[in-house]
Amino acid sequence: MSQSLERGLAVLTSLAAGPQTLDQLAQRLGVHKSTAMRLLRSLEAGRFVRREDVHHYRLGSALFDLAHQALEDLDVRDVARAHLLELNGISGHTVHLATLEDDHVIYIDKVDSKHPVRMYSRIGRRAPVHCTAVGKALVADWPPAQRGQFAEQLAYPKLTANTIDSAARFLAELDRVRDQGYAVDRSEHEDFIHCVAAPIRNHRGETIAAVSLSVPKVLLDFDGLLGLVDDVLRAAGGVSAELGWQPTDKRKET
């Protein structure tokens, strides 16, 4: 690495801690003030640094533009893959990654169960929103008006005896999901499967995907499934963090 580049990066690293004076930066770099000033002028020309007042410098807008673009370019599948594998390794059960497509969810990645008894699913398969844990997790954080409008347009096919069958019940379920921070499917989509899911958020805090564990009831009862909630939340949180999401205090409590 060239000396100028190394020093320029050192300036940016120093300014990340807060505004600095020319004297402070020169001292941190171990260079004369004239050398530090030349670096600052070059960085200021590229909007990587800006002068806050007569004496202080701080990070400029170009860094934030680059960071934003880098976060926009992240593919949730690529980021999530290691976390899905880790969740599968911890639990031994089927892990799904899903996104919303119109009024259905679509599975965009999957790690198969390590057990001989498995559910049938495949990448690219669509499933209803109202009776899947991933579906509930994907829409629970929407504003009330958007949730209400979406709930009213669903058809609510009754797939099992436990399937939610009305907008009112679906909206009440979404309230529970928002309160607890995760969603469940109590054999609502398939009689012999239950699931738990958590939302994945991008750097703006928007839910863009959901991760779930799907478990045959013969392998684990519902209380046992709930015992894996923290693992699912940890996986979703890890993906969200890599996408740039920083939870608020309220999210940390949930």
Protein backbone atom coordinates (compact mmCIF):
# COMPACT_ATOMS: atom_id res chain seq x y z
CA MET A 1 0.00 0.00 0.00
CA SER A 2 1.39 3.46 -0.91
CA GLN A 3 2.31 5.81 1.89
CA SER A 4 -0.14 8.49 0.74
CA LEU A 5 -3.01 6.01 0.55
CA GLU A 6 -2.14 4.60 3.94
CA ARG A 7 -2.09 8.07 5.47
CA GLY A 8 -5.36 9.01 3.77
CA LEU A 9 -7.08 5.94 5.21
CA ALA A 10 -5.60 6.78 8.62
CA VAL A 11 -7.17 10.25 8.39
CA LEU A 12 -10.58 8.76 7.62
CA THR A 13 -10.24 6.27 10.45
CA SER A 14 -9.36 9.06 12.86
CA LEU A 15 -12.26 11.23 11.74
CA ALA A 16 -14.65 8.32 12.21
CA ALA A 17 -14.24 8.91 15.95
CA GLY A 18 -15.39 12.54 15.55
CA PRO A 19 -14.20 15.96 14.33
CA GLN A 20 -10.45 16.59 14.58
CA THR A 21 -8.18 19.62 14.21
CA LEU A 22 -5.25 19.81 11.84
CA ASP A 23 -2.86 19.58 14.78
CA GLN A 24 -4.59 16.47 16.14
CA LEU A 25 -4.50 14.72 12.77
CA ALA A 26 -0.86 15.59 12.15
CA GLN A 27 0.03 14.23 15.58
CA ARG A 28 -1.93 11.01 15.00
CA LEU A 29 -0.22 10.49 11.65
CA GLY A 30 3.19 11.46 12.92
CA VAL A 31 3.70 13.97 10.10
CA HIS A 32 4.24 17.71 9.72
CA LYS A 33 1.12 19.87 9.58
CA SER A 34 1.84 20.77 5.94
CA THR A 35 1.72 17.08 4.97
CA ALA A 36 -1.52 16.59 6.88
CA MET A 37 -2.99 19.67 5.19
CA ARG A 38 -2.15 18.32 1.70
CA LEU A 39 -3.93 15.05 2.56
CA LEU A 40 -6.95 16.90 3.89
CA ARG A 41 -7.20 19.10 0.79
CA SER A 42 -7.14 16.05 -1.49
CA LEU A 43 -9.77 14.26 0.59
CA GLU A 44 -11.88 17.42 0.79
CA ALA A 45 -11.80 17.78 -3.01
CA GLY A 46 -13.30 14.30 -3.28
CA ARG A 47 -15.91 15.03 -0.57
CA PHE A 48 -14.40 12.37 1.69
CA VAL A 49 -13.64 15.07 4.27
CA ARG A 50 -15.29 18.41 4.95
CA ARG A 51 -14.31 21.35 7.10
CA GLU A 52 -16.74 21.80 9.98
CA ASP A 53 -15.42 25.19 11.10
CA VAL A 54 -12.16 27.13 10.97
CA HIS A 55 -10.22 24.49 12.89
CA HIS A 56 -12.09 21.16 12.69
CA TYR A 57 -12.53 18.54 9.98
CA ARG A 58 -15.01 15.69 9.80
CA LEU A 59 -16.05 12.90 7.41
CA GLY A 60 -17.67 14.05 4.17
CA SER A 61 -20.73 12.94 2.24
CA ALA A 62 -18.86 10.81 -0.32
CA LEU A 63 -18.19 8.14 2.31
CA PHE A 64 -21.86 7.90 3.16
CA ASP A 65 -22.78 7.73 -0.54
CA LEU A 66 -20.35 4.85 -1.03
CA ALA A 67 -21.57 3.04 2.09
CA HIS A 68 -25.18 3.41 0.97
CA GLN A 69 -24.38 2.05 -2.50
CA ALA A 70 -22.45 -0.87 -1.04
CA LEU A 71 -25.39 -1.79 1.17
CA GLU A 72 -27.84 -1.48 -1.73
CA ASP A 73 -25.75 -3.89 -3.78
CA LEU A 74 -25.72 -6.65 -1.14
CA ASP A 75 -27.66 -9.75 -2.14
CA VAL A 76 -29.67 -11.11 0.78
CA ARG A 77 -29.10 -14.70 -0.37
CA ASP A 78 -25.35 -14.31 -0.42
CA VAL A 79 -25.30 -12.60 2.96
CA ALA A 80 -27.73 -15.04 4.57
CA ARG A 81 -26.20 -18.32 3.40
CA ALA A 82 -23.65 -18.72 6.21
CA HIS A 83 -26.30 -17.88 8.81
CA LEU A 84 -28.73 -20.43 7.35
CA LEU A 85 -26.06 -23.11 7.48
CA GLU A 86 -25.23 -22.22 11.07
CA LEU A 87 -28.90 -22.35 12.11
CA ASN A 88 -29.27 -25.72 10.40
CA GLY A 89 -26.15 -26.98 12.16
CA ILE A 90 -27.47 -25.89 15.56
CA SER A 91 -31.02 -27.20 15.14
CA GLY A 92 -30.69 -30.00 12.60
CA HIS A 93 -33.98 -28.91 11.01
CA THR A 94 -34.99 -27.42 7.65
CA VAL A 95 -34.12 -23.75 7.25
CA HIS A 96 -35.78 -21.49 4.68
CA LEU A 97 -35.11 -17.99 3.40
CA ALA A 98 -38.15 -16.32 1.85
CA THR A 99 -39.22 -13.02 0.35
CA LEU A 100 -42.59 -11.53 -0.60
CA GLU A 101 -43.88 -11.70 -4.16
CA ASP A 102 -47.28 -10.03 -4.61
CA ASP A 103 -49.60 -11.82 -2.16
CA HIS A 104 -47.43 -14.93 -1.74
CA VAL A 105 -44.06 -15.77 -0.24
CA ILE A 106 -41.39 -17.35 -2.38
CA TYR A 107 -38.60 -19.53 -0.98
CA ILE A 108 -35.28 -18.23 -2.29
CA ASP A 109 -32.93 -20.52 -0.35
CA LYS A 110 -33.11 -23.69 1.72
CA VAL A 111 -30.93 -25.93 3.87
CA ASP A 112 -32.35 -29.44 4.27
CA SER A 113 -33.05 -31.13 7.58
CA LYS A 114 -30.52 -33.61 8.88
CA HIS A 115 -33.38 -35.93 9.92
CA PRO A 116 -34.93 -38.63 7.70
CA VAL A 117 -38.43 -37.17 8.25
CA ARG A 118 -38.58 -33.96 6.19
CA MET A 119 -41.08 -31.52 4.74
CA TYR A 120 -41.38 -31.09 1.00
CA SER A 121 -40.26 -27.70 -0.24
CA ARG A 122 -37.99 -26.33 -2.91
CA ILE A 123 -36.33 -23.08 -3.88
CA GLY A 124 -38.73 -21.10 -6.07
CA ARG A 125 -41.84 -22.60 -4.53
CA ARG A 126 -44.62 -20.14 -3.62
CA ALA A 127 -46.76 -20.34 -0.50
CA PRO A 128 -49.60 -18.27 1.00
CA VAL A 129 -48.77 -15.39 3.32
CA HIS A 130 -51.60 -15.87 5.82
CA CYS A 131 -50.68 -19.37 6.98
CA THR A 132 -46.87 -19.39 6.87
CA ALA A 133 -44.52 -18.12 9.55
CA VAL A 134 -42.31 -16.43 6.96
CA GLY A 135 -45.34 -14.73 5.42
CA LYS A 136 -46.42 -13.27 8.75
CA ALA A 137 -42.86 -12.14 9.54
CA LEU A 138 -42.57 -10.40 6.18
CA VAL A 139 -45.62 -8.15 6.59
CA ALA A 140 -46.04 -7.71 10.35
CA ASP A 141 -43.95 -4.52 10.50
CA TRP A 142 -45.85 -2.70 7.78
CA PRO A 143 -47.76 0.46 8.75
CA PRO A 144 -51.31 -0.30 10.00
CA ALA A 145 -53.04 1.07 6.89
CA GLN A 146 -50.85 -0.98 4.56
CA ARG A 147 -51.37 -4.12 6.65
CA GLY A 148 -55.12 -3.57 6.68
CA GLN A 149 -55.35 -3.08 2.93
CA PHE A 150 -53.20 -6.15 2.29
CA ALA A 151 -55.22 -8.30 4.70
CA GLU A 152 -58.48 -7.38 2.99
CA GLN A 153 -57.28 -8.50 -0.43
CA LEU A 154 -56.22 -12.03 0.59
CA ALA A 155 -58.43 -15.03 -0.23
CA TYR A 156 -57.62 -17.09 2.93
CA PRO A 157 -57.84 -20.63 1.53
CA LYS A 158 -58.39 -23.10 4.37
CA LEU A 159 -55.48 -25.55 4.06
CA THR A 160 -55.72 -27.17 7.51
CA ALA A 161 -58.02 -26.99 10.51
CA ASN A 162 -55.69 -24.36 12.01
CA THR A 163 -55.46 -22.06 8.99
CA ILE A 164 -56.31 -18.41 9.62
CA ASP A 165 -59.47 -17.76 7.62
CA SER A 166 -60.28 -14.04 7.89
CA ALA A 167 -58.69 -10.61 7.67
CA ALA A 168 -59.59 -9.89 11.29
CA ARG A 169 -57.81 -13.00 12.55
CA PHE A 170 -54.84 -12.35 10.29
CA LEU A 171 -54.43 -8.77 11.54
CA ALA A 172 -54.69 -9.92 15.16
CA GLU A 173 -51.96 -12.47 14.43
CA LEU A 174 -49.74 -9.78 12.90
CA ASP A 175 -50.12 -7.71 16.06
CA ARG A 176 -48.81 -10.67 18.06
CA VAL A 177 -45.90 -11.07 15.67
CA ARG A 178 -44.97 -7.39 16.06
CA ASP A 179 -45.16 -7.64 19.85
CA GLN A 180 -43.05 -10.79 20.20
CA GLY A 181 -40.62 -10.23 17.33
CA TYR A 182 -41.17 -13.59 15.61
CA ALA A 183 -43.93 -15.51 13.84
CA VAL A 184 -45.21 -19.07 14.11
CA ASP A 185 -47.14 -21.45 11.91
CA ARG A 186 -48.97 -23.95 14.12
CA SER A 187 -49.68 -26.53 11.41
CA GLU A 188 -51.59 -23.88 9.44
CA HIS A 189 -50.00 -24.59 6.07
CA GLU A 190 -49.41 -28.34 6.38
CA ASP A 191 -50.97 -30.58 9.05
CA PHE A 192 -47.77 -32.27 10.15
CA ILE A 193 -45.38 -29.27 10.08
CA HIS A 194 -44.97 -26.28 12.34
CA CYS A 195 -42.57 -23.38 11.88
CA VAL A 196 -41.04 -20.35 13.51
CA ALA A 197 -39.71 -17.37 11.55
CA ALA A 198 -38.08 -13.98 12.09
CA PRO A 199 -37.75 -10.93 9.83
CA ILE A 200 -34.57 -9.80 8.11
CA ARG A 201 -34.16 -6.05 7.74
CA ASN A 202 -32.00 -3.92 5.47
CA HIS A 203 -30.03 -0.80 6.40
CA ARG A 204 -33.22 1.29 6.32
CA GLY A 205 -34.97 -1.04 8.74
CA GLU A 206 -37.31 -2.43 6.08
CA THR A 207 -38.22 -6.12 6.24
CA ILE A 208 -36.92 -7.61 2.98
CA ALA A 209 -36.81 -11.33 3.82
CA ALA A 210 -37.52 -13.84 6.56
CA VAL A 211 -35.71 -16.89 7.89
CA SER A 212 -37.56 -19.87 9.31
CA LEU A 213 -37.19 -23.29 10.89
CA SER A 214 -39.68 -25.89 9.70
CA VAL A 215 -40.06 -29.01 11.83
CA PRO A 216 -42.30 -32.10 11.56
CA LYS A 217 -44.40 -32.43 14.71
CA VAL A 218 -43.29 -36.04 15.13
CA LEU A 219 -39.74 -34.78 15.73
CA LEU A 220 -40.49 -31.83 18.00
CA ASP A 221 -43.58 -30.54 19.79
CA PHE A 222 -44.59 -26.90 19.77
CA ASP A 223 -42.90 -26.09 23.09
CA GLY A 224 -39.72 -27.63 21.73
CA LEU A 225 -40.04 -25.50 18.59
CA LEU A 226 -40.37 -22.36 20.72
CA GLY A 227 -37.14 -23.37 22.43
CA LEU A 228 -35.40 -22.63 19.11
CA VAL A 229 -36.79 -19.09 18.76
CA ASP A 230 -33.63 -17.44 20.06
CA ASP A 231 -31.56 -19.30 17.47
CA VAL A 232 -33.85 -18.12 14.67
CA LEU A 233 -33.79 -14.53 15.97
CA ARG A 234 -30.00 -14.68 16.18
CA ALA A 235 -29.74 -15.87 12.58
CA ALA A 236 -32.11 -13.17 11.32
CA GLY A 237 -30.32 -10.54 13.37
CA GLY A 238 -26.94 -11.62 12.01
CA VAL A 239 -28.11 -11.28 8.41
CA SER A 240 -29.75 -7.92 9.16
CA ALA A 241 -26.56 -6.63 10.77
CA GLU A 242 -24.53 -7.55 7.68
CA LEU A 243 -27.08 -5.68 5.57
CA GLY A 244 -26.46 -2.58 7.67
CA TRP A 245 -29.43 -2.65 10.04
CA GLN A 246 -28.81 -1.12 13.43
CA PRO A 247 -31.59 -1.98 15.91
CA THR A 248 -33.22 0.67 18.04
CA ASP A 249 -33.49 0.18 21.79
CA LYS A 250 -37.01 -1.15 21.31
CA ARG A 251 -35.80 -3.81 18.86
CA LYS A 252 -33.02 -4.82 21.23
CA GLU A 253 -35.58 -5.48 23.93
CA THR A 254 -37.54 -7.77 21.60
